Amino acid sequence: MSTFNAGQFFALDRIRKPEGGLTLGIELPLDNDWSPGREEQRVREKRPFGVPDLTHYPDLVRQVDRSGFAAVWMRDVPVFDPKNFGDAGSVYDPFVNLGFLAGITENVALGTAAIVLPLRHPMMVAKAAASVDQLSGGRLILGVASGDRPVEYPLLGLNFENRGEAFRGAVSYLRDAWKTGGLPIGNGRIEPSLDLLPKPRQTHIPMIIAGQGRQSPDWIAANMQGRFVYPNGLTRLAAQARDWNAARKSLGLPRGVFVSAFHLDLADDPAEPATARRFGARIGRNGFIDHLQAVEDAGVDHLALLLRPSRRPLNEVIDELARDVLPVLKSQSSPAKSAAE
């Protein structure tokens, strides 16, 4: 069972408030290719759905970093499968992307949502993650998953049905590889004459799980420092947060973090009512602030915003969120969550 102290995971302090309350992050890619206008353009040009335009990506990331957001998040989509999956995700290799972001940002936590651990040898994941953590000054949050796209496993000669076992083994390997005193070589054995460098900047790189990873709730609570779940209504979200907190508490562990996401099309009119869409809504600023309060009350520590549905230019949306939404969140705190620490 994990015995890590909450204070050892410094990157988590960027996405959770010690006094309780909600923080906001941005999910990559930074493009509005899902907006109606861009979708019409894509159809005219006969391009596949789900491939974002990353021309302005570096400038938009820098804007996010200096605007007070807590984190940026990226997905792990090794193979573009337009027929069965239809989305290229963040496009770039996640660890290459993380290294790039470490060099052009200073403030945001750098999160993955999530690295599909069974697709990569854990030794290479351990080295890549520790390198990012050092280069970013200890800002990495390693979101991990077992993967839900069967097409990738046979391409790599891997068994899709064994991914739960492979996931557990990879998590154990990562923890051992980041310690001093030798290199793990399998079956719990350590070779003291070898080592994996660099070691992480943080005492321990925090790992949060996206989905279930084919693991039991008790295993997740004992071995992960957080959960990342996609929204399925506020009632369901609150139940998931309660279950996470209860499982951690039953093991004598601190709360960790509970993270969710929202697909946002922020309307020009602050008073425009919500029009629901999958995983989010088109909504004006006033209603969105009310929704954020409800998300916080449900027990969420951090919300990752995906702006791909946005009909407005992303620089305008980021500016409005930073100017008119983040200050409201910073002035609020949740006594209930703070007392549960």
C-alpha atoms as a PDB file:
ATOM      1  CA  MET A   1       0.000   0.000   0.000  1.00  0.00           C
ATOM      2  CA  SER A   2       1.156   3.528  -0.748  1.00  0.00           C
ATOM      3  CA  THR A   3       2.440   5.433   2.263  1.00  0.00           C
ATOM      4  CA  PHE A   4       3.383   8.651   0.487  1.00  0.00           C
ATOM      5  CA  ASN A   5       2.756  11.912   2.327  1.00  0.00           C
ATOM      6  CA  ALA A   6       0.687  14.496   0.453  1.00  0.00           C
ATOM      7  CA  GLY A   7       3.474  17.069   0.812  1.00  0.00           C
ATOM      8  CA  GLN A   8       5.817  14.954  -1.319  1.00  0.00           C
ATOM      9  CA  PHE A   9       3.844  15.608  -4.522  1.00  0.00           C
ATOM     10  CA  PHE A  10       4.582  19.274  -5.150  1.00  0.00           C
ATOM     11  CA  ALA A  11       2.986  19.476  -8.605  1.00  0.00           C
ATOM     12  CA  LEU A  12      -0.376  18.605  -7.057  1.00  0.00           C
ATOM     13  CA  ASP A  13      -0.198  21.831  -5.053  1.00  0.00           C
ATOM     14  CA  ARG A  14      -0.561  23.711  -8.343  1.00  0.00           C
ATOM     15  CA  ILE A  15      -4.008  22.200  -9.012  1.00  0.00           C
ATOM     16  CA  ARG A  16      -5.512  21.998  -5.524  1.00  0.00           C
ATOM     17  CA  LYS A  17      -6.103  24.776  -3.031  1.00  0.00           C
ATOM     18  CA  PRO A  18      -4.975  24.036   0.525  1.00  0.00           C
ATOM     19  CA  GLU A  19      -8.037  25.893   1.819  1.00  0.00           C
ATOM     20  CA  GLY A  20     -10.336  24.017  -0.565  1.00  0.00           C
ATOM     21  CA  GLY A  21     -11.872  25.246  -3.803  1.00  0.00           C
ATOM     22  CA  LEU A  22     -11.685  24.667  -7.532  1.00  0.00           C
ATOM     23  CA  THR A  23      -8.832  25.353  -9.954  1.00  0.00           C
ATOM     24  CA  LEU A  24      -8.989  25.410 -13.760  1.00  0.00           C
ATOM     25  CA  GLY A  25      -6.682  23.929 -16.355  1.00  0.00           C
ATOM     26  CA  ILE A  26      -6.679  23.692 -20.142  1.00  0.00           C
ATOM     27  CA  GLU A  27      -6.767  20.442 -22.092  1.00  0.00           C
ATOM     28  CA  LEU A  28      -4.761  20.319 -25.308  1.00  0.00           C
ATOM     29  CA  PRO A  29      -4.825  20.691 -28.267  1.00  0.00           C
ATOM     30  CA  LEU A  30      -5.403  24.422 -28.381  1.00  0.00           C
ATOM     31  CA  ASP A  31      -7.614  24.692 -31.435  1.00  0.00           C
ATOM     32  CA  ASN A  32     -11.344  25.207 -32.067  1.00  0.00           C
ATOM     33  CA  ASP A  33     -11.602  22.619 -34.842  1.00  0.00           C
ATOM     34  CA  TRP A  34     -14.878  21.241 -33.422  1.00  0.00           C
ATOM     35  CA  SER A  35     -16.730  24.546 -33.877  1.00  0.00           C
ATOM     36  CA  PRO A  36     -19.478  24.646 -36.542  1.00  0.00           C
ATOM     37  CA  GLY A  37     -17.546  27.014 -38.808  1.00  0.00           C
ATOM     38  CA  ARG A  38     -14.343  25.005 -38.692  1.00  0.00           C
ATOM     39  CA  GLU A  39     -16.275  21.776 -39.209  1.00  0.00           C
ATOM     40  CA  GLU A  40     -17.895  23.183 -42.347  1.00  0.00           C
ATOM     41  CA  GLN A  41     -14.455  24.219 -43.597  1.00  0.00           C
ATOM     42  CA  ARG A  42     -13.090  20.724 -42.925  1.00  0.00           C
ATOM     43  CA  VAL A  43     -15.900  19.098 -44.908  1.00  0.00           C
ATOM     44  CA  ARG A  44     -15.362  21.462 -47.857  1.00  0.00           C
ATOM     45  CA  GLU A  45     -11.656  20.667 -47.869  1.00  0.00           C
ATOM     46  CA  LYS A  46     -12.333  16.921 -47.480  1.00  0.00           C
ATOM     47  CA  ARG A  47     -10.032  16.593 -44.502  1.00  0.00           C
ATOM     48  CA  PRO A  48     -10.518  13.922 -41.796  1.00  0.00           C
ATOM     49  CA  PHE A  49     -12.315  14.849 -38.595  1.00  0.00           C
ATOM     50  CA  GLY A  50     -10.292  15.206 -35.413  1.00  0.00           C
ATOM     51  CA  VAL A  51      -6.968  16.614 -36.651  1.00  0.00           C
ATOM     52  CA  PRO A  52      -6.401  20.045 -35.066  1.00  0.00           C
ATOM     53  CA  ASP A  53      -4.496  22.973 -36.523  1.00  0.00           C
ATOM     54  CA  LEU A  54      -1.513  23.567 -34.222  1.00  0.00           C
ATOM     55  CA  THR A  55      -0.163  26.662 -35.978  1.00  0.00           C
ATOM     56  CA  HIS A  56      -0.803  28.929 -32.976  1.00  0.00           C
ATOM     57  CA  TYR A  57      -0.186  26.292 -30.312  1.00  0.00           C
ATOM     58  CA  PRO A  58       3.037  27.738 -28.780  1.00  0.00           C
ATOM     59  CA  ASP A  59       1.625  31.257 -28.460  1.00  0.00           C
ATOM     60  CA  LEU A  60      -1.630  30.010 -26.926  1.00  0.00           C
ATOM     61  CA  VAL A  61       0.215  27.816 -24.417  1.00  0.00           C
ATOM     62  CA  ARG A  62       2.295  30.803 -23.342  1.00  0.00           C
ATOM     63  CA  GLN A  63      -0.913  32.810 -22.913  1.00  0.00           C
ATOM     64  CA  VAL A  64      -2.403  30.078 -20.724  1.00  0.00           C
ATOM     65  CA  ASP A  65       0.771  29.906 -18.646  1.00  0.00           C
ATOM     66  CA  ARG A  66       0.870  33.627 -17.856  1.00  0.00           C
ATOM     67  CA  SER A  67      -2.905  33.930 -17.301  1.00  0.00           C
ATOM     68  CA  GLY A  68      -3.259  32.114 -13.995  1.00  0.00           C
ATOM     69  CA  PHE A  69      -4.472  28.678 -15.060  1.00  0.00           C
ATOM     70  CA  ALA A  70      -3.282  25.806 -12.883  1.00  0.00           C
ATOM     71  CA  ALA A  71      -2.350  23.189 -15.484  1.00  0.00           C
ATOM     72  CA  VAL A  72      -2.287  22.068 -19.084  1.00  0.00           C
ATOM     73  CA  TRP A  73      -3.260  18.488 -19.946  1.00  0.00           C
ATOM     74  CA  MET A  74      -2.530  16.281 -22.942  1.00  0.00           C
ATOM     75  CA  ARG A  75      -3.758  12.946 -24.186  1.00  0.00           C
ATOM     76  CA  ASP A  76      -1.837   9.929 -25.464  1.00  0.00           C
ATOM     77  CA  VAL A  77      -3.075   8.845 -28.912  1.00  0.00           C
ATOM     78  CA  PRO A  78      -0.240   6.954 -30.648  1.00  0.00           C
ATOM     79  CA  VAL A  79      -2.210   6.029 -33.787  1.00  0.00           C
ATOM     80  CA  PHE A  80      -4.774   8.149 -35.625  1.00  0.00           C
ATOM     81  CA  ASP A  81      -7.727   5.852 -36.326  1.00  0.00           C
ATOM     82  CA  PRO A  82     -10.327   7.979 -38.161  1.00  0.00           C
ATOM     83  CA  LYS A  83     -12.689   5.048 -38.762  1.00  0.00           C
ATOM     84  CA  ASN A  84     -13.001   3.682 -35.216  1.00  0.00           C
ATOM     85  CA  PHE A  85     -11.881   6.564 -32.974  1.00  0.00           C
ATOM     86  CA  GLY A  86     -11.907   9.706 -35.094  1.00  0.00           C
ATOM     87  CA  ASP A  87      -9.666  11.969 -33.041  1.00  0.00           C
ATOM     88  CA  ALA A  88      -5.924  12.612 -33.193  1.00  0.00           C
ATOM     89  CA  GLY A  89      -5.923  13.984 -29.633  1.00  0.00           C
ATOM     90  CA  SER A  90      -2.984  16.219 -28.814  1.00  0.00           C
ATOM     91  CA  VAL A  91      -1.163  14.942 -31.958  1.00  0.00           C
ATOM     92  CA  TYR A  92       2.412  15.214 -30.675  1.00  0.00           C
ATOM     93  CA  ASP A  93       4.137  12.422 -28.782  1.00  0.00           C
ATOM     94  CA  PRO A  94       3.296  13.231 -25.156  1.00  0.00           C
ATOM     95  CA  PHE A  95       6.814  13.104 -23.736  1.00  0.00           C
ATOM     96  CA  VAL A  96       8.270  15.177 -26.587  1.00  0.00           C
ATOM     97  CA  ASN A  97       5.407  17.604 -26.048  1.00  0.00           C
ATOM     98  CA  LEU A  98       6.046  17.711 -22.293  1.00  0.00           C
ATOM     99  CA  GLY A  99       9.702  18.528 -22.878  1.00  0.00           C
ATOM    100  CA  PHE A 100       8.700  21.348 -25.231  1.00  0.00           C
ATOM    101  CA  LEU A 101       6.211  22.705 -22.691  1.00  0.00           C
ATOM    102  CA  ALA A 102       8.799  22.512 -19.914  1.00  0.00           C
ATOM    103  CA  GLY A 103      10.893  24.944 -21.939  1.00  0.00           C
ATOM    104  CA  ILE A 104       8.216  27.515 -22.804  1.00  0.00           C
ATOM    105  CA  THR A 105       6.160  27.582 -19.574  1.00  0.00           C
ATOM    106  CA  GLU A 106       6.976  28.492 -16.000  1.00  0.00           C
ATOM    107  CA  ASN A 107       3.810  28.286 -13.926  1.00  0.00           C
ATOM    108  CA  VAL A 108       1.364  25.586 -14.985  1.00  0.00           C
ATOM    109  CA  ALA A 109       1.495  21.972 -13.886  1.00  0.00           C
ATOM    110  CA  LEU A 110       2.153  19.679 -16.861  1.00  0.00           C
ATOM    111  CA  GLY A 111      -0.348  16.836 -16.849  1.00  0.00           C
ATOM    112  CA  THR A 112      -1.019  13.788 -18.979  1.00  0.00           C
ATOM    113  CA  ALA A 113      -4.546  12.442 -19.303  1.00  0.00           C
ATOM    114  CA  ALA A 114      -3.323   9.868 -19.753  1.00  0.00           C
ATOM    115  CA  ILE A 115      -0.225   7.876 -20.717  1.00  0.00           C
ATOM    116  CA  VAL A 116      -1.275   4.364 -21.774  1.00  0.00           C
ATOM    117  CA  LEU A 117       1.269   2.497 -19.675  1.00  0.00           C
ATOM    118  CA  PRO A 118       1.007  -1.009 -21.213  1.00  0.00           C
ATOM    119  CA  LEU A 119       1.979   0.360 -24.645  1.00  0.00           C
ATOM    120  CA  ARG A 120       5.439   1.444 -23.459  1.00  0.00           C
ATOM    121  CA  HIS A 121       8.263  -0.252 -21.615  1.00  0.00           C
ATOM    122  CA  PRO A 122       8.115   1.120 -18.069  1.00  0.00           C
ATOM    123  CA  MET A 123      11.869   1.796 -17.986  1.00  0.00           C
ATOM    124  CA  MET A 124      11.501   4.262 -20.847  1.00  0.00           C
ATOM    125  CA  VAL A 125       8.437   5.849 -19.254  1.00  0.00           C
ATOM    126  CA  ALA A 126      10.326   6.207 -15.968  1.00  0.00           C
ATOM    127  CA  LYS A 127      13.259   7.958 -17.653  1.00  0.00           C
ATOM    128  CA  ALA A 128      11.097  10.214 -19.807  1.00  0.00           C
ATOM    129  CA  ALA A 129       8.872  11.251 -16.897  1.00  0.00           C
ATOM    130  CA  ALA A 130      11.796  11.949 -14.566  1.00  0.00           C
ATOM    131  CA  SER A 131      13.478  13.991 -17.313  1.00  0.00           C
ATOM    132  CA  VAL A 132      10.343  16.117 -17.756  1.00  0.00           C
ATOM    133  CA  ASP A 133      10.023  16.555 -14.014  1.00  0.00           C
ATOM    134  CA  GLN A 134      13.602  17.832 -13.774  1.00  0.00           C
ATOM    135  CA  LEU A 135      13.369  20.090 -16.833  1.00  0.00           C
ATOM    136  CA  SER A 136      10.082  21.608 -15.634  1.00  0.00           C
ATOM    137  CA  GLY A 137      11.237  22.236 -12.064  1.00  0.00           C
ATOM    138  CA  GLY A 138       8.976  19.569 -10.572  1.00  0.00           C
ATOM    139  CA  ARG A 139       5.730  20.364 -12.394  1.00  0.00           C
ATOM    140  CA  LEU A 140       4.812  16.941 -13.831  1.00  0.00           C
ATOM    141  CA  ILE A 141       1.564  15.156 -12.945  1.00  0.00           C
ATOM    142  CA  LEU A 142       1.663  11.756 -14.611  1.00  0.00           C
ATOM    143  CA  GLY A 143      -1.843  10.702 -15.539  1.00  0.00           C
ATOM    144  CA  VAL A 144      -1.891   7.009 -16.439  1.00  0.00           C
ATOM    145  CA  ALA A 145      -4.361   4.579 -17.981  1.00  0.00           C
ATOM    146  CA  SER A 146      -4.620   1.059 -19.367  1.00  0.00           C
ATOM    147  CA  GLY A 147      -6.054   2.223 -22.703  1.00  0.00           C
ATOM    148  CA  ASP A 148      -9.387   1.628 -24.409  1.00  0.00           C
ATOM    149  CA  ARG A 149      -8.403   1.480 -28.095  1.00  0.00           C
ATOM    150  CA  PRO A 150      -7.870  -2.176 -29.110  1.00  0.00           C
ATOM    151  CA  VAL A 151      -6.276  -1.253 -32.459  1.00  0.00           C
ATOM    152  CA  GLU A 152      -3.002  -0.147 -30.833  1.00  0.00           C
ATOM    153  CA  TYR A 153      -2.196  -3.334 -28.938  1.00  0.00           C
ATOM    154  CA  PRO A 154      -1.854  -5.771 -31.876  1.00  0.00           C
ATOM    155  CA  LEU A 155       0.177  -3.208 -33.805  1.00  0.00           C
ATOM    156  CA  LEU A 156       2.758  -3.466 -31.026  1.00  0.00           C
ATOM    157  CA  GLY A 157       2.407  -7.221 -30.561  1.00  0.00           C
ATOM    158  CA  LEU A 158       0.686  -6.773 -27.173  1.00  0.00           C
ATOM    159  CA  ASN A 159      -2.269  -8.574 -25.629  1.00  0.00           C
ATOM    160  CA  PHE A 160      -5.193  -6.197 -25.105  1.00  0.00           C
ATOM    161  CA  GLU A 161      -6.861  -8.479 -22.580  1.00  0.00           C
ATOM    162  CA  ASN A 162      -3.785  -8.499 -20.303  1.00  0.00           C
ATOM    163  CA  ARG A 163      -3.584  -4.716 -20.054  1.00  0.00           C
ATOM    164  CA  GLY A 164      -4.790  -4.566 -16.441  1.00  0.00           C
ATOM    165  CA  GLU A 165      -1.961  -6.782 -15.210  1.00  0.00           C
ATOM    166  CA  ALA A 166       0.565  -4.908 -17.362  1.00  0.00           C
ATOM    167  CA  PHE A 167      -0.700  -1.613 -15.950  1.00  0.00           C
ATOM    168  CA  ARG A 168      -0.145  -2.732 -12.336  1.00  0.00           C
ATOM    169  CA  GLY A 169       3.320  -3.976 -13.156  1.00  0.00           C
ATOM    170  CA  ALA A 170       4.258  -0.710 -14.849  1.00  0.00           C
ATOM    171  CA  VAL A 171       3.117   1.389 -11.875  1.00  0.00           C
ATOM    172  CA  SER A 172       5.235  -0.743  -9.520  1.00  0.00           C
ATOM    173  CA  TYR A 173       8.244  -0.473 -11.822  1.00  0.00           C
ATOM    174  CA  LEU A 174       7.995   3.314 -12.068  1.00  0.00           C
ATOM    175  CA  ARG A 175       7.976   3.748  -8.305  1.00  0.00           C
ATOM    176  CA  ASP A 176      11.031   1.517  -7.930  1.00  0.00           C
ATOM    177  CA  ALA A 177      12.922   3.127 -10.829  1.00  0.00           C
ATOM    178  CA  TRP A 178      12.541   6.614  -9.337  1.00  0.00           C
ATOM    179  CA  LYS A 179      14.167   5.518  -6.061  1.00  0.00           C
ATOM    180  CA  THR A 180      17.895   5.495  -5.409  1.00  0.00           C
ATOM    181  CA  GLY A 181      19.815   2.272  -4.902  1.00  0.00           C
ATOM    182  CA  GLY A 182      19.702   0.479  -8.233  1.00  0.00           C
ATOM    183  CA  LEU A 183      17.592  -0.423 -11.253  1.00  0.00           C
ATOM    184  CA  PRO A 184      14.550  -2.705 -11.159  1.00  0.00           C
ATOM    185  CA  ILE A 185      15.055  -5.673 -13.490  1.00  0.00           C
ATOM    186  CA  GLY A 186      11.786  -7.522 -13.014  1.00  0.00           C
ATOM    187  CA  ASN A 187      10.007  -9.705 -10.474  1.00  0.00           C
ATOM    188  CA  GLY A 188      10.781  -7.256  -7.696  1.00  0.00           C
ATOM    189  CA  ARG A 189      14.557  -7.599  -8.169  1.00  0.00           C
ATOM    190  CA  ILE A 190      16.903  -4.593  -8.058  1.00  0.00           C
ATOM    191  CA  GLU A 191      20.323  -4.502  -9.732  1.00  0.00           C
ATOM    192  CA  PRO A 192      22.480  -2.220  -7.522  1.00  0.00           C
ATOM    193  CA  SER A 193      25.220  -1.766 -10.161  1.00  0.00           C
ATOM    194  CA  LEU A 194      22.770  -0.040 -12.544  1.00  0.00           C
ATOM    195  CA  ASP A 195      20.686   3.071 -12.193  1.00  0.00           C
ATOM    196  CA  LEU A 196      18.186   5.174 -14.116  1.00  0.00           C
ATOM    197  CA  LEU A 197      18.969   8.884 -14.382  1.00  0.00           C
ATOM    198  CA  PRO A 198      17.801  11.511 -13.801  1.00  0.00           C
ATOM    199  CA  LYS A 199      15.779  11.049 -10.662  1.00  0.00           C
ATOM    200  CA  PRO A 200      12.634  13.197 -10.426  1.00  0.00           C
ATOM    201  CA  ARG A 201      12.775  16.733  -9.085  1.00  0.00           C
ATOM    202  CA  GLN A 202       9.788  15.985  -6.848  1.00  0.00           C
ATOM    203  CA  THR A 203      10.203  13.554  -3.985  1.00  0.00           C
ATOM    204  CA  HIS A 204       7.714  11.410  -5.893  1.00  0.00           C
ATOM    205  CA  ILE A 205       6.043  12.115  -9.237  1.00  0.00           C
ATOM    206  CA  PRO A 206       2.306  12.091  -8.546  1.00  0.00           C
ATOM    207  CA  MET A 207       0.292   9.598 -10.566  1.00  0.00           C
ATOM    208  CA  ILE A 208      -3.419   9.987 -11.205  1.00  0.00           C
ATOM    209  CA  ILE A 209      -5.540   7.412 -12.980  1.00  0.00           C
ATOM    210  CA  ALA A 210      -7.854   8.154 -15.885  1.00  0.00           C
ATOM    211  CA  GLY A 211     -10.722   5.697 -15.851  1.00  0.00           C
ATOM    212  CA  GLN A 212     -10.314   2.526 -13.810  1.00  0.00           C
ATOM    213  CA  GLY A 213      -7.264   0.947 -15.457  1.00  0.00           C
ATOM    214  CA  ARG A 214      -9.023  -2.404 -14.906  1.00  0.00           C
ATOM    215  CA  GLN A 215      -8.187  -2.080 -11.204  1.00  0.00           C
ATOM    216  CA  SER A 216     -10.222  -2.317  -8.023  1.00  0.00           C
ATOM    217  CA  PRO A 217     -11.217   0.860  -6.156  1.00  0.00           C
ATOM    218  CA  ASP A 218      -9.024  -0.172  -3.208  1.00  0.00           C
ATOM    219  CA  TRP A 219      -5.969  -0.650  -5.432  1.00  0.00           C
ATOM    220  CA  ILE A 220      -6.557   2.732  -7.062  1.00  0.00           C
ATOM    221  CA  ALA A 221      -6.906   4.484  -3.694  1.00  0.00           C
ATOM    222  CA  ALA A 222      -3.730   2.857  -2.380  1.00  0.00           C
ATOM    223  CA  ASN A 223      -1.523   3.413  -5.412  1.00  0.00           C
ATOM    224  CA  MET A 224      -2.749   6.603  -7.093  1.00  0.00           C
ATOM    225  CA  GLN A 225      -2.655  10.167  -5.794  1.00  0.00           C
ATOM    226  CA  GLY A 226      -5.698  11.221  -7.786  1.00  0.00           C
ATOM    227  CA  ARG A 227      -8.489  10.325 -10.179  1.00  0.00           C
ATOM    228  CA  PHE A 228      -9.352  11.924 -13.530  1.00  0.00           C
ATOM    229  CA  VAL A 229     -12.930  11.231 -14.616  1.00  0.00           C
ATOM    230  CA  TYR A 230     -14.988  12.544 -17.496  1.00  0.00           C
ATOM    231  CA  PRO A 231     -18.276  14.198 -16.512  1.00  0.00           C
ATOM    232  CA  ASN A 232     -21.475  12.217 -16.519  1.00  0.00           C
ATOM    233  CA  GLY A 233     -23.740  14.632 -14.660  1.00  0.00           C
ATOM    234  CA  LEU A 234     -23.196  16.363 -11.344  1.00  0.00           C
ATOM    235  CA  THR A 235     -24.894  13.609  -9.325  1.00  0.00           C
ATOM    236  CA  ARG A 236     -22.580  10.952 -10.747  1.00  0.00           C
ATOM    237  CA  LEU A 237     -19.583  13.234 -10.351  1.00  0.00           C
ATOM    238  CA  ALA A 238     -20.369  13.831  -6.669  1.00  0.00           C
ATOM    239  CA  ALA A 239     -20.762  10.092  -6.060  1.00  0.00           C
ATOM    240  CA  GLN A 240     -17.392   9.357  -7.689  1.00  0.00           C
ATOM    241  CA  ALA A 241     -15.691  12.048  -5.597  1.00  0.00           C
ATOM    242  CA  ARG A 242     -17.260  10.690  -2.397  1.00  0.00           C
ATOM    243  CA  ASP A 243     -16.158   7.148  -3.242  1.00  0.00           C
ATOM    244  CA  TRP A 244     -12.598   8.323  -3.935  1.00  0.00           C
ATOM    245  CA  ASN A 245     -12.386  10.292  -0.700  1.00  0.00           C
ATOM    246  CA  ALA A 246     -13.884   7.449   1.347  1.00  0.00           C
ATOM    247  CA  ALA A 247     -11.476   4.896  -0.107  1.00  0.00           C
ATOM    248  CA  ARG A 248      -8.467   7.096   0.659  1.00  0.00           C
ATOM    249  CA  LYS A 249      -9.721   7.804   4.169  1.00  0.00           C
ATOM    250  CA  SER A 250     -10.280   4.105   4.891  1.00  0.00           C
ATOM    251  CA  LEU A 251      -6.593   3.500   4.142  1.00  0.00           C
ATOM    252  CA  GLY A 252      -5.440   6.368   6.346  1.00  0.00           C
ATOM    253  CA  LEU A 253      -4.300   8.404   3.351  1.00  0.00           C
ATOM    254  CA  PRO A 254      -4.847  12.109   2.565  1.00  0.00           C
ATOM    255  CA  ARG A 255      -7.494  13.069   0.009  1.00  0.00           C
ATOM    256  CA  GLY A 256      -5.250  13.402  -2.999  1.00  0.00           C
ATOM    257  CA  VAL A 257      -6.952  15.156  -5.931  1.00  0.00           C
ATOM    258  CA  PHE A 258     -10.139  14.589  -7.878  1.00  0.00           C
ATOM    259  CA  VAL A 259     -10.110  15.932 -11.447  1.00  0.00           C
ATOM    260  CA  SER A 260     -12.735  16.162 -14.161  1.00  0.00           C
ATOM    261  CA  ALA A 261     -13.153  17.876 -17.526  1.00  0.00           C
ATOM    262  CA  PHE A 262     -15.559  20.125 -19.431  1.00  0.00           C
ATOM    263  CA  HIS A 263     -15.900  20.801 -23.161  1.00  0.00           C
ATOM    264  CA  LEU A 264     -16.501  24.562 -23.301  1.00  0.00           C
ATOM    265  CA  ASP A 265     -17.985  26.789 -25.992  1.00  0.00           C
ATOM    266  CA  LEU A 266     -17.981  30.131 -24.136  1.00  0.00           C
ATOM    267  CA  ALA A 267     -20.631  32.426 -25.624  1.00  0.00           C
ATOM    268  CA  ASP A 268     -20.051  36.125 -26.329  1.00  0.00           C
ATOM    269  CA  ASP A 269     -23.105  37.035 -24.268  1.00  0.00           C
ATOM    270  CA  PRO A 270     -22.324  36.476 -20.565  1.00  0.00           C
ATOM    271  CA  ALA A 271     -26.034  35.838 -19.926  1.00  0.00           C
ATOM    272  CA  GLU A 272     -26.568  33.215 -22.648  1.00  0.00           C
ATOM    273  CA  PRO A 273     -28.144  30.098 -21.077  1.00  0.00           C
ATOM    274  CA  ALA A 274     -26.525  26.710 -21.420  1.00  0.00           C
ATOM    275  CA  THR A 275     -27.015  24.515 -24.462  1.00  0.00           C
ATOM    276  CA  ALA A 276     -25.784  21.078 -23.505  1.00  0.00           C
ATOM    277  CA  ARG A 277     -23.332  19.101 -25.612  1.00  0.00           C
ATOM    278  CA  ARG A 278     -21.472  15.870 -24.886  1.00  0.00           C
ATOM    279  CA  PHE A 279     -19.162  16.443 -21.917  1.00  0.00           C
ATOM    280  CA  GLY A 280     -19.960  20.147 -21.745  1.00  0.00           C
ATOM    281  CA  ALA A 281     -22.025  23.030 -23.088  1.00  0.00           C
ATOM    282  CA  ARG A 282     -22.233  26.262 -24.992  1.00  0.00           C
ATOM    283  CA  ILE A 283     -22.797  28.737 -22.192  1.00  0.00           C
ATOM    284  CA  GLY A 284     -22.299  32.353 -21.187  1.00  0.00           C
ATOM    285  CA  ARG A 285     -19.847  33.404 -18.517  1.00  0.00           C
ATOM    286  CA  ASN A 286     -22.441  33.945 -15.781  1.00  0.00           C
ATOM    287  CA  GLY A 287     -23.944  30.505 -16.122  1.00  0.00           C
ATOM    288  CA  PHE A 288     -20.502  28.948 -16.423  1.00  0.00           C
ATOM    289  CA  ILE A 289     -19.428  30.479 -13.104  1.00  0.00           C
ATOM    290  CA  ASP A 290     -22.565  29.012 -11.521  1.00  0.00           C
ATOM    291  CA  HIS A 291     -21.711  25.635 -13.018  1.00  0.00           C
ATOM    292  CA  LEU A 292     -18.185  25.824 -11.640  1.00  0.00           C
ATOM    293  CA  GLN A 293     -19.617  26.395  -8.167  1.00  0.00           C
ATOM    294  CA  ALA A 294     -21.759  23.281  -8.576  1.00  0.00           C
ATOM    295  CA  VAL A 295     -18.731  21.284  -9.757  1.00  0.00           C
ATOM    296  CA  GLU A 296     -16.783  22.456  -6.708  1.00  0.00           C
ATOM    297  CA  ASP A 297     -19.679  21.530  -4.420  1.00  0.00           C
ATOM    298  CA  ALA A 298     -19.637  18.046  -5.987  1.00  0.00           C
ATOM    299  CA  GLY A 299     -16.104  17.573  -4.646  1.00  0.00           C
ATOM    300  CA  VAL A 300     -13.964  18.331  -7.694  1.00  0.00           C
ATOM    301  CA  ASP A 301     -10.557  19.919  -7.032  1.00  0.00           C
ATOM    302  CA  HIS A 302      -9.590  20.727 -10.617  1.00  0.00           C
ATOM    303  CA  LEU A 303     -11.452  21.038 -13.916  1.00  0.00           C
ATOM    304  CA  ALA A 304      -9.694  20.699 -17.284  1.00  0.00           C
ATOM    305  CA  LEU A 305     -11.351  22.760 -20.030  1.00  0.00           C
ATOM    306  CA  LEU A 306     -11.287  21.584 -23.631  1.00  0.00           C
ATOM    307  CA  LEU A 307     -11.862  24.533 -25.962  1.00  0.00           C
ATOM    308  CA  ARG A 308     -12.170  22.681 -29.269  1.00  0.00           C
ATOM    309  CA  PRO A 309     -15.943  23.421 -29.552  1.00  0.00           C
ATOM    310  CA  SER A 310     -15.360  27.169 -29.158  1.00  0.00           C
ATOM    311  CA  ARG A 311     -16.888  29.390 -31.852  1.00  0.00           C
ATOM    312  CA  ARG A 312     -14.763  32.331 -30.738  1.00  0.00           C
ATOM    313  CA  PRO A 313     -11.008  32.758 -31.237  1.00  0.00           C
ATOM    314  CA  LEU A 314      -9.229  30.900 -28.449  1.00  0.00           C
ATOM    315  CA  ASN A 315      -7.102  33.857 -27.397  1.00  0.00           C
ATOM    316  CA  GLU A 316     -10.321  35.783 -26.658  1.00  0.00           C
ATOM    317  CA  VAL A 317     -11.792  32.894 -24.664  1.00  0.00           C
ATOM    318  CA  ILE A 318      -8.613  32.416 -22.637  1.00  0.00           C
ATOM    319  CA  ASP A 319      -8.486  36.141 -21.930  1.00  0.00           C
ATOM    320  CA  GLU A 320     -12.109  36.260 -20.743  1.00  0.00           C
ATOM    321  CA  LEU A 321     -11.640  33.238 -18.501  1.00  0.00           C
ATOM    322  CA  ALA A 322      -8.499  34.756 -16.990  1.00  0.00           C
ATOM    323  CA  ARG A 323     -10.048  38.204 -16.535  1.00  0.00           C
ATOM    324  CA  ASP A 324     -13.562  37.335 -15.363  1.00  0.00           C
ATOM    325  CA  VAL A 325     -13.667  33.720 -14.157  1.00  0.00           C
ATOM    326  CA  LEU A 326     -10.369  32.846 -12.474  1.00  0.00           C
ATOM    327  CA  PRO A 327     -10.554  35.810 -10.040  1.00  0.00           C
ATOM    328  CA  VAL A 328     -13.969  34.575  -8.866  1.00  0.00           C
ATOM    329  CA  LEU A 329     -12.559  31.114  -8.173  1.00  0.00           C
ATOM    330  CA  LYS A 330      -9.546  32.538  -6.377  1.00  0.00           C
ATOM    331  CA  SER A 331     -11.815  34.467  -4.026  1.00  0.00           C
ATOM    332  CA  GLN A 332     -13.744  31.327  -3.088  1.00  0.00           C
ATOM    333  CA  SER A 333     -12.845  28.340  -0.959  1.00  0.00           C
ATOM    334  CA  SER A 334     -14.680  25.210   0.119  1.00  0.00           C
ATOM    335  CA  PRO A 335     -14.722  24.720   3.905  1.00  0.00           C
ATOM    336  CA  ALA A 336     -16.066  21.194   3.523  1.00  0.00           C
ATOM    337  CA  LYS A 337     -13.168  20.040   1.347  1.00  0.00           C
ATOM    338  CA  SER A 338     -10.620  21.841   3.479  1.00  0.00           C
ATOM    339  CA  ALA A 339     -11.937  20.163   6.624  1.00  0.00           C
ATOM    340  CA  ALA A 340     -11.684  16.752   4.962  1.00  0.00           C
ATOM    341  CA  GLU A 341      -7.917  17.041   4.481  1.00  0.00           C
END
